[in-house]
């Protein structure tokens, strides 16, 4: 039984899920709005929130190292530290918004926009 198992599997193995969430999070941070399936958006939203919370911490050197380990994209981690941390300094959580965008033509998957608030 999967009682209290919060991980969304998204139909892939662990390494593919990890890299997919990493790429989605980078795209959300760089472009600030992307269109994806609802399952992927629900899985990536907490990860983006954690990255922004990490960027808001005081010790910048440790933050840079952790972001480099989690995201591995220099302009993305730079944007988190310089822009998003100051933009959301008064906000505790809830940095993303998911809005419905209809259904995909090929397989009728539920599509959504995930964007930074």
PDB file of N, CA and C in Angstrom:
ATOM      1  N   UNK A   1       0.824  -1.186   0.000  1.00  0.00           N
ATOM      2  CA  UNK A   1       0.000   0.000   0.000  1.00  0.00           C
ATOM      3  C   UNK A   1       0.865   1.246   0.000  1.00  0.00           C
ATOM      4  N   UNK A   2       0.390   2.294  -0.646  1.00  0.00           N
ATOM      5  CA  UNK A   2       1.163   3.518  -0.797  1.00  0.00           C
ATOM      6  C   UNK A   2       0.670   4.615   0.135  1.00  0.00           C
ATOM      7  N   UNK A   3       0.375   4.278   1.364  1.00  0.00           N
ATOM      8  CA  UNK A   3      -0.125   5.280   2.294  1.00  0.00           C
ATOM      9  C   UNK A   3       0.928   6.348   2.544  1.00  0.00           C
ATOM     10  N   UNK A   4       0.535   7.599   2.393  1.00  0.00           N
ATOM     11  CA  UNK A   4       1.356   8.781   2.632  1.00  0.00           C
ATOM     12  C   UNK A   4       2.632   8.817   1.798  1.00  0.00           C
ATOM     13  N   UNK A   5       2.592   8.288   0.598  1.00  0.00           N
ATOM     14  CA  UNK A   5       3.707   8.381  -0.339  1.00  0.00           C
ATOM     15  C   UNK A   5       3.435   9.562  -1.251  1.00  0.00           C
ATOM     16  N   UNK A   6       4.180  10.626  -1.104  1.00  0.00           N
ATOM     17  CA  UNK A   6       3.906  11.883  -1.791  1.00  0.00           C
ATOM     18  C   UNK A   6       4.523  11.961  -3.183  1.00  0.00           C
ATOM     19  N   UNK A   7       5.433  11.090  -3.530  1.00  0.00           N
ATOM     20  CA  UNK A   7       6.135  11.158  -4.798  1.00  0.00           C
ATOM     21  C   UNK A   7       5.207  10.853  -5.967  1.00  0.00           C
ATOM     22  N   UNK A   8       5.223  11.713  -6.974  1.00  0.00           N
ATOM     23  CA  UNK A   8       4.472  11.472  -8.207  1.00  0.00           C
ATOM     24  C   UNK A   8       5.404  10.775  -9.183  1.00  0.00           C
ATOM     25  N   UNK A   9       5.042   9.593  -9.616  1.00  0.00           N
ATOM     26  CA  UNK A   9       5.947   8.784 -10.429  1.00  0.00           C
ATOM     27  C   UNK A   9       5.983   9.204 -11.895  1.00  0.00           C
ATOM     28  N   UNK A  10       4.909   9.710 -12.429  1.00  0.00           N
ATOM     29  CA  UNK A  10       4.805  10.202 -13.801  1.00  0.00           C
ATOM     30  C   UNK A  10       5.169   9.130 -14.828  1.00  0.00           C
ATOM     31  N   UNK A  11       5.074   7.881 -14.486  1.00  0.00           N
ATOM     32  CA  UNK A  11       5.261   6.792 -15.443  1.00  0.00           C
ATOM     33  C   UNK A  11       6.684   6.596 -15.932  1.00  0.00           C
ATOM     34  N   UNK A  12       7.686   7.000 -15.168  1.00  0.00           N
ATOM     35  CA  UNK A  12       9.077   6.851 -15.583  1.00  0.00           C
ATOM     36  C   UNK A  12       9.895   6.281 -14.432  1.00  0.00           C
ATOM     37  N   UNK A  13      11.135   5.926 -14.749  1.00  0.00           N
ATOM     38  CA  UNK A  13      12.022   5.476 -13.684  1.00  0.00           C
ATOM     39  C   UNK A  13      12.625   6.697 -12.975  1.00  0.00           C
ATOM     40  N   UNK A  14      13.359   6.461 -11.928  1.00  0.00           N
ATOM     41  CA  UNK A  14      13.801   7.538 -11.044  1.00  0.00           C
ATOM     42  C   UNK A  14      14.735   8.526 -11.736  1.00  0.00           C
ATOM     43  N   UNK A  15      15.697   8.046 -12.518  1.00  0.00           N
ATOM     44  CA  UNK A  15      16.656   8.955 -13.140  1.00  0.00           C
ATOM     45  C   UNK A  15      15.989   9.830 -14.203  1.00  0.00           C
ATOM     46  N   UNK A  16      15.079   9.256 -14.981  1.00  0.00           N
ATOM     47  CA  UNK A  16      14.377  10.040 -15.992  1.00  0.00           C
ATOM     48  C   UNK A  16      13.455  11.066 -15.344  1.00  0.00           C
ATOM     49  N   UNK A  17      12.776  10.686 -14.273  1.00  0.00           N
ATOM     50  CA  UNK A  17      11.899  11.611 -13.553  1.00  0.00           C
ATOM     51  C   UNK A  17      12.708  12.773 -12.978  1.00  0.00           C
ATOM     52  N   UNK A  18      13.855  12.472 -12.407  1.00  0.00           N
ATOM     53  CA  UNK A  18      14.689  13.495 -11.801  1.00  0.00           C
ATOM     54  C   UNK A  18      15.182  14.493 -12.849  1.00  0.00           C
ATOM     55  N   UNK A  19      15.644  14.013 -13.990  1.00  0.00           N
ATOM     56  CA  UNK A  19      16.133  14.912 -15.029  1.00  0.00           C
ATOM     57  C   UNK A  19      14.988  15.693 -15.670  1.00  0.00           C
ATOM     58  N   UNK A  20      13.811  15.064 -15.812  1.00  0.00           N
ATOM     59  CA  UNK A  20      12.663  15.746 -16.391  1.00  0.00           C
ATOM     60  C   UNK A  20      12.192  16.877 -15.478  1.00  0.00           C
ATOM     61  N   UNK A  21      12.116  16.626 -14.183  1.00  0.00           N
ATOM     62  CA  UNK A  21      11.708  17.661 -13.240  1.00  0.00           C
ATOM     63  C   UNK A  21      12.734  18.792 -13.181  1.00  0.00           C
ATOM     64  N   UNK A  22      13.991  18.435 -13.288  1.00  0.00           N
ATOM     65  CA  UNK A  22      15.057  19.436 -13.304  1.00  0.00           C
ATOM     66  C   UNK A  22      14.914  20.349 -14.523  1.00  0.00           C
ATOM     67  N   UNK A  23      14.685  19.751 -15.694  1.00  0.00           N
ATOM     68  CA  UNK A  23      14.534  20.540 -16.920  1.00  0.00           C
ATOM     69  C   UNK A  23      13.266  21.384 -16.892  1.00  0.00           C
ATOM     70  N   UNK A  24      12.169  20.829 -16.392  1.00  0.00           N
ATOM     71  CA  UNK A  24      10.936  21.609 -16.288  1.00  0.00           C
ATOM     72  C   UNK A  24      11.112  22.791 -15.336  1.00  0.00           C
ATOM     73  N   UNK A  25      11.771  22.549 -14.211  1.00  0.00           N
ATOM     74  CA  UNK A  25      11.992  23.618 -13.235  1.00  0.00           C
ATOM     75  C   UNK A  25      12.860  24.720 -13.834  1.00  0.00           C
ATOM     76  N   UNK A  26      13.910  24.345 -14.584  1.00  0.00           N
ATOM     77  CA  UNK A  26      14.756  25.348 -15.224  1.00  0.00           C
ATOM     78  C   UNK A  26      13.952  26.173 -16.220  1.00  0.00           C
ATOM     79  N   UNK A  27      13.088  25.524 -16.992  1.00  0.00           N
ATOM     80  CA  UNK A  27      12.289  26.243 -17.973  1.00  0.00           C
ATOM     81  C   UNK A  27      11.280  27.179 -17.302  1.00  0.00           C
ATOM     82  N   UNK A  28      10.686  26.732 -16.203  1.00  0.00           N
ATOM     83  CA  UNK A  28       9.744  27.588 -15.481  1.00  0.00           C
ATOM     84  C   UNK A  28      10.464  28.816 -14.942  1.00  0.00           C
ATOM     85  N   UNK A  29      11.661  28.634 -14.421  1.00  0.00           N
ATOM     86  CA  UNK A  29      12.398  29.749 -13.847  1.00  0.00           C
ATOM     87  C   UNK A  29      12.898  30.701 -14.928  1.00  0.00           C
ATOM     88  N   UNK A  30      13.405  30.181 -16.029  1.00  0.00           N
ATOM     89  CA  UNK A  30      13.955  31.043 -17.079  1.00  0.00           C
ATOM     90  C   UNK A  30      12.849  31.759 -17.848  1.00  0.00           C
ATOM     91  N   UNK A  31      11.824  31.019 -18.281  1.00  0.00           N
ATOM     92  CA  UNK A  31      10.774  31.603 -19.113  1.00  0.00           C
ATOM     93  C   UNK A  31       9.600  32.153 -18.309  1.00  0.00           C
ATOM     94  N   UNK A  32       9.491  31.779 -17.053  1.00  0.00           N
ATOM     95  CA  UNK A  32       8.464  32.201 -16.100  1.00  0.00           C
ATOM     96  C   UNK A  32       7.052  31.723 -16.453  1.00  0.00           C
ATOM     97  N   UNK A  33       6.872  31.037 -17.564  1.00  0.00           N
ATOM     98  CA  UNK A  33       5.573  30.454 -17.905  1.00  0.00           C
ATOM     99  C   UNK A  33       5.793  29.400 -18.981  1.00  0.00           C
ATOM    100  N   UNK A  34       5.341  28.161 -18.709  1.00  0.00           N
ATOM    101  CA  UNK A  34       5.450  27.110 -19.703  1.00  0.00           C
ATOM    102  C   UNK A  34       4.135  26.331 -19.763  1.00  0.00           C
ATOM    103  N   UNK A  35       3.946  25.617 -20.856  1.00  0.00           N
ATOM    104  CA  UNK A  35       2.764  24.790 -21.035  1.00  0.00           C
ATOM    105  C   UNK A  35       3.198  23.326 -20.969  1.00  0.00           C
ATOM    106  N   UNK A  36       2.545  22.557 -20.089  1.00  0.00           N
ATOM    107  CA  UNK A  36       2.890  21.152 -19.911  1.00  0.00           C
ATOM    108  C   UNK A  36       1.651  20.395 -19.466  1.00  0.00           C
ATOM    109  N   UNK A  37       1.788  19.108 -19.216  1.00  0.00           N
ATOM    110  CA  UNK A  37       0.643  18.325 -18.750  1.00  0.00           C
ATOM    111  C   UNK A  37       0.391  18.623 -17.276  1.00  0.00           C
ATOM    112  N   UNK A  38      -0.803  18.344 -16.838  1.00  0.00           N
ATOM    113  CA  UNK A  38      -1.147  18.678 -15.451  1.00  0.00           C
ATOM    114  C   UNK A  38      -0.370  17.825 -14.452  1.00  0.00           C
ATOM    115  N   UNK A  39      -0.095  16.570 -14.781  1.00  0.00           N
ATOM    116  CA  UNK A  39       0.652  15.714 -13.861  1.00  0.00           C
ATOM    117  C   UNK A  39       2.078  16.225 -13.676  1.00  0.00           C
ATOM    118  N   UNK A  40       2.708  16.630 -14.761  1.00  0.00           N
ATOM    119  CA  UNK A  40       4.066  17.161 -14.665  1.00  0.00           C
ATOM    120  C   UNK A  40       4.095  18.492 -13.927  1.00  0.00           C
ATOM    121  N   UNK A  41       3.110  19.323 -14.169  1.00  0.00           N
ATOM    122  CA  UNK A  41       3.058  20.625 -13.486  1.00  0.00           C
ATOM    123  C   UNK A  41       2.872  20.443 -11.983  1.00  0.00           C
ATOM    124  N   UNK A  42       2.014  19.513 -11.597  1.00  0.00           N
ATOM    125  CA  UNK A  42       1.800  19.265 -10.171  1.00  0.00           C
ATOM    126  C   UNK A  42       3.039  18.676  -9.522  1.00  0.00           C
ATOM    127  N   UNK A  43       3.853  17.962 -10.291  1.00  0.00           N
ATOM    128  CA  UNK A  43       5.071  17.377  -9.740  1.00  0.00           C
ATOM    129  C   UNK A  43       6.194  18.402  -9.634  1.00  0.00           C
ATOM    130  N   UNK A  44       6.251  19.364 -10.567  1.00  0.00           N
ATOM    131  CA  UNK A  44       7.368  20.307 -10.589  1.00  0.00           C
ATOM    132  C   UNK A  44       7.126  21.524  -9.697  1.00  0.00           C
ATOM    133  N   UNK A  45       5.887  21.840  -9.364  1.00  0.00           N
ATOM    134  CA  UNK A  45       5.589  23.031  -8.559  1.00  0.00           C
ATOM    135  C   UNK A  45       6.295  23.025  -7.194  1.00  0.00           C
ATOM    136  N   UNK A  46       6.264  21.942  -6.428  1.00  0.00           N
ATOM    137  CA  UNK A  46       6.993  21.955  -5.144  1.00  0.00           C
ATOM    138  C   UNK A  46       8.508  22.085  -5.310  1.00  0.00           C
ATOM    139  N   UNK A  47       9.032  21.526  -6.408  1.00  0.00           N
ATOM    140  CA  UNK A  47      10.473  21.611  -6.663  1.00  0.00           C
ATOM    141  C   UNK A  47      10.880  23.057  -6.945  1.00  0.00           C
ATOM    142  N   UNK A  48      10.082  23.775  -7.727  1.00  0.00           N
ATOM    143  CA  UNK A  48      10.361  25.191  -8.015  1.00  0.00           C
ATOM    144  C   UNK A  48      10.259  26.015  -6.731  1.00  0.00           C
ATOM    145  N   UNK A  49       9.261  25.723  -5.903  1.00  0.00           N
ATOM    146  CA  UNK A  49       9.123  26.439  -4.629  1.00  0.00           C
ATOM    147  C   UNK A  49      10.348  26.230  -3.742  1.00  0.00           C
ATOM    148  N   UNK A  50      10.860  25.013  -3.704  1.00  0.00           N
ATOM    149  CA  UNK A  50      12.041  24.727  -2.891  1.00  0.00           C
ATOM    150  C   UNK A  50      13.270  25.456  -3.416  1.00  0.00           C
ATOM    151  N   UNK A  51      13.402  25.548  -4.746  1.00  0.00           N
ATOM    152  CA  UNK A  51      14.544  26.253  -5.316  1.00  0.00           C
ATOM    153  C   UNK A  51      14.503  27.743  -4.972  1.00  0.00           C
ATOM    154  N   UNK A  52      13.328  28.340  -5.052  1.00  0.00           N
ATOM    155  CA  UNK A  52      13.218  29.770  -4.740  1.00  0.00           C
ATOM    156  C   UNK A  52      13.442  30.016  -3.250  1.00  0.00           C
ATOM    157  N   UNK A  53      12.913  29.139  -2.397  1.00  0.00           N
ATOM    158  CA  UNK A  53      13.168  29.260  -0.960  1.00  0.00           C
ATOM    159  C   UNK A  53      14.655  29.134  -0.655  1.00  0.00           C
ATOM    160  N   UNK A  54      15.328  28.262  -1.370  1.00  0.00           N
ATOM    161  CA  UNK A  54      16.765  28.096  -1.182  1.00  0.00           C
ATOM    162  C   UNK A  54      17.507  29.367  -1.588  1.00  0.00           C
ATOM    163  N   UNK A  55      17.068  30.008  -2.663  1.00  0.00           N
ATOM    164  CA  UNK A  55      17.709  31.239  -3.120  1.00  0.00           C
ATOM    165  C   UNK A  55      17.523  32.409  -2.178  1.00  0.00           C
ATOM    166  N   UNK A  56      16.516  32.355  -1.320  1.00  0.00           N
ATOM    167  CA  UNK A  56      16.248  33.446  -0.387  1.00  0.00           C
ATOM    168  C   UNK A  56      17.096  33.395   0.874  1.00  0.00           C
ATOM    169  N   UNK A  57      17.871  32.342   1.082  1.00  0.00           N
ATOM    170  CA  UNK A  57      18.679  32.216   2.290  1.00  0.00           C
ATOM    171  C   UNK A  57      19.848  33.190   2.282  1.00  0.00           C
ATOM    172  N   UNK A  58      20.394  33.445   3.456  1.00  0.00           N
ATOM    173  CA  UNK A  58      21.411  34.475   3.641  1.00  0.00           C
ATOM    174  C   UNK A  58      22.794  34.083   3.106  1.00  0.00           C
ATOM    175  N   UNK A  59      23.234  32.865   3.396  1.00  0.00           N
ATOM    176  CA  UNK A  59      24.585  32.424   3.041  1.00  0.00           C
ATOM    177  C   UNK A  59      24.662  32.140   1.541  1.00  0.00           C
ATOM    178  N   UNK A  60      25.160  33.091   0.776  1.00  0.00           N
ATOM    179  CA  UNK A  60      25.110  33.016  -0.684  1.00  0.00           C
ATOM    180  C   UNK A  60      26.014  31.933  -1.262  1.00  0.00           C
ATOM    181  N   UNK A  61      27.179  31.692  -0.685  1.00  0.00           N
ATOM    182  CA  UNK A  61      28.093  30.703  -1.240  1.00  0.00           C
ATOM    183  C   UNK A  61      27.502  29.299  -1.146  1.00  0.00           C
ATOM    184  N   UNK A  62      26.931  28.974  -0.010  1.00  0.00           N
ATOM    185  CA  UNK A  62      26.286  27.675   0.155  1.00  0.00           C
ATOM    186  C   UNK A  62      25.095  27.541  -0.773  1.00  0.00           C
ATOM    187  N   UNK A  63      24.346  28.609  -0.931  1.00  0.00           N
ATOM    188  CA  UNK A  63      23.177  28.603  -1.806  1.00  0.00           C
ATOM    189  C   UNK A  63      23.592  28.354  -3.249  1.00  0.00           C
ATOM    190  N   UNK A  64      24.646  29.028  -3.685  1.00  0.00           N
ATOM    191  CA  UNK A  64      25.131  28.849  -5.060  1.00  0.00           C
ATOM    192  C   UNK A  64      25.547  27.407  -5.297  1.00  0.00           C
ATOM    193  N   UNK A  65      26.236  26.823  -4.341  1.00  0.00           N
ATOM    194  CA  UNK A  65      26.679  25.428  -4.493  1.00  0.00           C
ATOM    195  C   UNK A  65      25.500  24.459  -4.531  1.00  0.00           C
ATOM    196  N   UNK A  66      24.507  24.671  -3.675  1.00  0.00           N
ATOM    197  CA  UNK A  66      23.346  23.785  -3.662  1.00  0.00           C
ATOM    198  C   UNK A  66      22.524  23.933  -4.929  1.00  0.00           C
ATOM    199  N   UNK A  67      22.348  25.167  -5.398  1.00  0.00           N
ATOM    200  CA  UNK A  67      21.604  25.380  -6.638  1.00  0.00           C
ATOM    201  C   UNK A  67      22.330  24.770  -7.831  1.00  0.00           C
ATOM    202  N   UNK A  68      23.643  24.876  -7.845  1.00  0.00           N
ATOM    203  CA  UNK A  68      24.417  24.272  -8.933  1.00  0.00           C
ATOM    204  C   UNK A  68      24.256  22.758  -8.944  1.00  0.00           C
ATOM    205  N   UNK A  69      24.141  22.180  -7.758  1.00  0.00           N
ATOM    206  CA  UNK A  69      23.945  20.733  -7.647  1.00  0.00           C
ATOM    207  C   UNK A  69      22.532  20.334  -8.089  1.00  0.00           C
ATOM    208  N   UNK A  70      21.539  21.134  -7.738  1.00  0.00           N
ATOM    209  CA  UNK A  70      20.154  20.797  -8.061  1.00  0.00           C
ATOM    210  C   UNK A  70      19.760  21.152  -9.484  1.00  0.00           C
ATOM    211  N   UNK A  71      20.231  22.287  -9.988  1.00  0.00           N
ATOM    212  CA  UNK A  71      19.752  22.781 -11.279  1.00  0.00           C
ATOM    213  C   UNK A  71      20.777  22.601 -12.387  1.00  0.00           C
ATOM    214  N   UNK A  72      22.050  22.849 -12.112  1.00  0.00           N
ATOM    215  CA  UNK A  72      23.134  22.674 -13.070  1.00  0.00           C
ATOM    216  C   UNK A  72      22.951  23.549 -14.314  1.00  0.00           C
ATOM    217  N   UNK A  73      22.493  24.765 -14.115  1.00  0.00           N
ATOM    218  CA  UNK A  73      22.339  25.733 -15.198  1.00  0.00           C
ATOM    219  C   UNK A  73      22.668  27.096 -14.613  1.00  0.00           C
ATOM    220  N   UNK A  74      23.714  27.714 -15.134  1.00  0.00           N
ATOM    221  CA  UNK A  74      24.250  28.915 -14.483  1.00  0.00           C
ATOM    222  C   UNK A  74      23.281  30.093 -14.523  1.00  0.00           C
ATOM    223  N   UNK A  75      22.661  30.342 -15.672  1.00  0.00           N
ATOM    224  CA  UNK A  75      21.770  31.504 -15.754  1.00  0.00           C
ATOM    225  C   UNK A  75      20.506  31.301 -14.917  1.00  0.00           C
ATOM    226  N   UNK A  76      20.098  30.049 -14.757  1.00  0.00           N
ATOM    227  CA  UNK A  76      18.923  29.747 -13.937  1.00  0.00           C
ATOM    228  C   UNK A  76      19.211  30.017 -12.463  1.00  0.00           C
ATOM    229  N   UNK A  77      20.340  29.538 -11.974  1.00  0.00           N
ATOM    230  CA  UNK A  77      20.675  29.772 -10.568  1.00  0.00           C
ATOM    231  C   UNK A  77      20.956  31.253 -10.307  1.00  0.00           C
ATOM    232  N   UNK A  78      21.530  31.932 -11.289  1.00  0.00           N
ATOM    233  CA  UNK A  78      21.780  33.367 -11.160  1.00  0.00           C
ATOM    234  C   UNK A  78      20.462  34.139 -11.071  1.00  0.00           C
ATOM    235  N   UNK A  79      19.486  33.738 -11.867  1.00  0.00           N
ATOM    236  CA  UNK A  79      18.186  34.403 -11.851  1.00  0.00           C
ATOM    237  C   UNK A  79      17.469  34.166 -10.522  1.00  0.00           C
ATOM    238  N   UNK A  80      17.595  32.964  -9.974  1.00  0.00           N
ATOM    239  CA  UNK A  80      16.967  32.653  -8.682  1.00  0.00           C
ATOM    240  C   UNK A  80      17.534  33.568  -7.596  1.00  0.00           C
ATOM    241  N   UNK A  81      18.855  33.684  -7.548  1.00  0.00           N
ATOM    242  CA  UNK A  81      19.493  34.444  -6.479  1.00  0.00           C
ATOM    243  C   UNK A  81      19.273  35.948  -6.646  1.00  0.00           C
ATOM    244  N   UNK A  82      19.451  36.462  -7.865  1.00  0.00           N
ATOM    245  CA  UNK A  82      19.414  37.911  -8.055  1.00  0.00           C
ATOM    246  C   UNK A  82      17.999  38.465  -8.207  1.00  0.00           C
ATOM    247  N   UNK A  83      17.169  37.837  -9.045  1.00  0.00           N
ATOM    248  CA  UNK A  83      15.857  38.405  -9.335  1.00  0.00           C
ATOM    249  C   UNK A  83      14.745  37.844  -8.450  1.00  0.00           C
ATOM    250  N   UNK A  84      14.607  36.519  -8.445  1.00  0.00           N
ATOM    251  CA  UNK A  84      13.446  35.916  -7.798  1.00  0.00           C
ATOM    252  C   UNK A  84      13.500  36.006  -6.274  1.00  0.00           C
ATOM    253  N   UNK A  85      14.700  35.940  -5.706  1.00  0.00           N
ATOM    254  CA  UNK A  85      14.810  36.040  -4.246  1.00  0.00           C
ATOM    255  C   UNK A  85      14.374  37.412  -3.755  1.00  0.00           C
ATOM    256  N   UNK A  86      14.705  38.453  -4.501  1.00  0.00           N
ATOM    257  CA  UNK A  86      14.271  39.795  -4.100  1.00  0.00           C
ATOM    258  C   UNK A  86      12.798  40.015  -4.427  1.00  0.00           C
ATOM    259  N   UNK A  87      12.334  39.448  -5.523  1.00  0.00           N
ATOM    260  CA  UNK A  87      10.931  39.614  -5.920  1.00  0.00           C
ATOM    261  C   UNK A  87       9.983  38.982  -4.904  1.00  0.00           C
ATOM    262  N   UNK A  88      10.377  37.825  -4.373  1.00  0.00           N
ATOM    263  CA  UNK A  88       9.517  37.092  -3.441  1.00  0.00           C
ATOM    264  C   UNK A  88      10.015  37.177  -2.004  1.00  0.00           C
ATOM    265  N   UNK A  89      10.705  38.245  -1.644  1.00  0.00           N
ATOM    266  CA  UNK A  89      11.266  38.346  -0.301  1.00  0.00           C
ATOM    267  C   UNK A  89      10.188  38.432   0.773  1.00  0.00           C
ATOM    268  N   UNK A  90       9.027  39.000   0.462  1.00  0.00           N
ATOM    269  CA  UNK A  90       7.964  39.131   1.462  1.00  0.00           C
ATOM    270  C   UNK A  90       7.005  37.942   1.455  1.00  0.00           C
ATOM    271  N   UNK A  91       7.174  37.010   0.546  1.00  0.00           N
ATOM    272  CA  UNK A  91       6.266  35.870   0.392  1.00  0.00           C
ATOM    273  C   UNK A  91       6.925  34.609   0.944  1.00  0.00           C
ATOM    274  N   UNK A  92       6.173  33.794   1.681  1.00  0.00           N
ATOM    275  CA  UNK A  92       6.749  32.599   2.283  1.00  0.00           C
ATOM    276  C   UNK A  92       6.739  31.392   1.357  1.00  0.00           C
ATOM    277  N   UNK A  93       5.665  31.214   0.616  1.00  0.00           N
ATOM    278  CA  UNK A  93       5.581  30.070  -0.305  1.00  0.00           C
ATOM    279  C   UNK A  93       4.523  30.373  -1.358  1.00  0.00           C
ATOM    280  N   UNK A  94       4.266  29.409  -2.220  1.00  0.00           N
ATOM    281  CA  UNK A  94       3.258  29.582  -3.245  1.00  0.00           C
ATOM    282  C   UNK A  94       3.719  30.484  -4.365  1.00  0.00           C
ATOM    283  N   UNK A  95       4.861  30.156  -4.964  1.00  0.00           N
ATOM    284  CA  UNK A  95       5.428  30.992  -6.007  1.00  0.00           C
ATOM    285  C   UNK A  95       4.917  30.619  -7.394  1.00  0.00           C
ATOM    286  N   UNK A  96       4.216  29.506  -7.510  1.00  0.00           N
ATOM    287  CA  UNK A  96       3.747  29.052  -8.820  1.00  0.00           C
ATOM    288  C   UNK A  96       2.229  29.035  -8.879  1.00  0.00           C
ATOM    289  N   UNK A  97       1.714  29.187 -10.088  1.00  0.00           N
ATOM    290  CA  UNK A  97       0.281  29.120 -10.346  1.00  0.00           C
ATOM    291  C   UNK A  97       0.060  28.166 -11.507  1.00  0.00           C
ATOM    292  N   UNK A  98      -0.935  27.294 -11.369  1.00  0.00           N
ATOM    293  CA  UNK A  98      -1.279  26.344 -12.420  1.00  0.00           C
ATOM    294  C   UNK A  98      -2.669  26.694 -12.929  1.00  0.00           C
ATOM    295  N   UNK A  99      -2.773  26.966 -14.237  1.00  0.00           N
ATOM    296  CA  UNK A  99      -4.062  27.273 -14.846  1.00  0.00           C
ATOM    297  C   UNK A  99      -4.312  26.311 -15.997  1.00  0.00           C
ATOM    298  N   UNK A 100      -5.544  25.893 -16.161  1.00  0.00           N
ATOM    299  CA  UNK A 100      -5.896  24.918 -17.186  1.00  0.00           C
ATOM    300  C   UNK A 100      -5.825  25.538 -18.580  1.00  0.00           C
ATOM    301  N   UNK A 101      -5.429  24.717 -19.546  1.00  0.00           N
ATOM    302  CA  UNK A 101      -5.261  25.212 -20.917  1.00  0.00           C
ATOM    303  C   UNK A 101      -5.883  24.275 -21.938  1.00  0.00           C
ATOM    304  N   UNK A 102      -6.835  23.452 -21.532  1.00  0.00           N
ATOM    305  CA  UNK A 102      -7.496  22.567 -22.484  1.00  0.00           C
ATOM    306  C   UNK A 102      -6.865  21.194 -22.533  1.00  0.00           C
ATOM    307  N   UNK A 103      -7.019  20.536 -23.681  1.00  0.00           N
ATOM    308  CA  UNK A 103      -6.535  19.168 -23.844  1.00  0.00           C
ATOM    309  C   UNK A 103      -5.635  19.080 -25.074  1.00  0.00           C
ATOM    310  N   UNK A 104      -4.656  18.202 -25.015  1.00  0.00           N
ATOM    311  CA  UNK A 104      -3.737  18.006 -26.127  1.00  0.00           C
ATOM    312  C   UNK A 104      -4.435  17.248 -27.245  1.00  0.00           C
ATOM    313  N   UNK A 105      -4.141  17.598 -28.482  1.00  0.00           N
ATOM    314  CA  UNK A 105      -4.846  17.031 -29.626  1.00  0.00           C
ATOM    315  C   UNK A 105      -4.540  15.550 -29.829  1.00  0.00           C
ATOM    316  N   UNK A 106      -3.315  15.130 -29.624  1.00  0.00           N
ATOM    317  CA  UNK A 106      -2.927  13.763 -29.944  1.00  0.00           C
ATOM    318  C   UNK A 106      -3.504  12.708 -29.014  1.00  0.00           C
ATOM    319  N   UNK A 107      -3.383  12.915 -27.724  1.00  0.00           N
ATOM    320  CA  UNK A 107      -3.794  11.887 -26.765  1.00  0.00           C
ATOM    321  C   UNK A 107      -4.807  12.388 -25.740  1.00  0.00           C
ATOM    322  N   UNK A 108      -5.304  13.603 -25.923  1.00  0.00           N
ATOM    323  CA  UNK A 108      -6.330  14.173 -25.050  1.00  0.00           C
ATOM    324  C   UNK A 108      -5.845  14.345 -23.601  1.00  0.00           C
ATOM    325  N   UNK A 109      -4.537  14.568 -23.439  1.00  0.00           N
ATOM    326  CA  UNK A 109      -3.989  14.799 -22.098  1.00  0.00           C
ATOM    327  C   UNK A 109      -4.360  16.217 -21.638  1.00  0.00           C
ATOM    328  N   UNK A 110      -4.612  16.363 -20.371  1.00  0.00           N
ATOM    329  CA  UNK A 110      -4.974  17.657 -19.801  1.00  0.00           C
ATOM    330  C   UNK A 110      -3.739  18.553 -19.764  1.00  0.00           C
ATOM    331  N   UNK A 111      -3.800  19.687 -20.461  1.00  0.00           N
ATOM    332  CA  UNK A 111      -2.675  20.615 -20.536  1.00  0.00           C
ATOM    333  C   UNK A 111      -2.929  21.809 -19.613  1.00  0.00           C
ATOM    334  N   UNK A 112      -1.851  22.300 -19.015  1.00  0.00           N
ATOM    335  CA  UNK A 112      -1.937  23.441 -18.107  1.00  0.00           C
ATOM    336  C   UNK A 112      -0.757  24.373 -18.359  1.00  0.00           C
ATOM    337  N   UNK A 113      -0.910  25.612 -17.904  1.00  0.00           N
ATOM    338  CA  UNK A 113       0.183  26.556 -17.848  1.00  0.00           C
ATOM    339  C   UNK A 113       0.659  26.612 -16.416  1.00  0.00           C
ATOM    340  N   UNK A 114       1.957  26.486 -16.219  1.00  0.00           N
ATOM    341  CA  UNK A 114       2.533  26.710 -14.893  1.00  0.00           C
ATOM    342  C   UNK A 114       3.392  27.966 -15.009  1.00  0.00           C
ATOM    343  N   UNK A 115       3.143  28.916 -14.109  1.00  0.00           N
ATOM    344  CA  UNK A 115       3.836  30.201 -14.182  1.00  0.00           C
ATOM    345  C   UNK A 115       4.207  30.675 -12.795  1.00  0.00           C
ATOM    346  N   UNK A 116       5.170  31.562 -12.759  1.00  0.00           N
ATOM    347  CA  UNK A 116       5.555  32.189 -11.501  1.00  0.00           C
ATOM    348  C   UNK A 116       4.581  33.319 -11.210  1.00  0.00           C
ATOM    349  N   UNK A 117       4.157  33.416  -9.955  1.00  0.00           N
ATOM    350  CA  UNK A 117       3.173  34.430  -9.560  1.00  0.00           C
ATOM    351  C   UNK A 117       3.816  35.792  -9.540  1.00  0.00           C
TER     352      UNK A 117
END
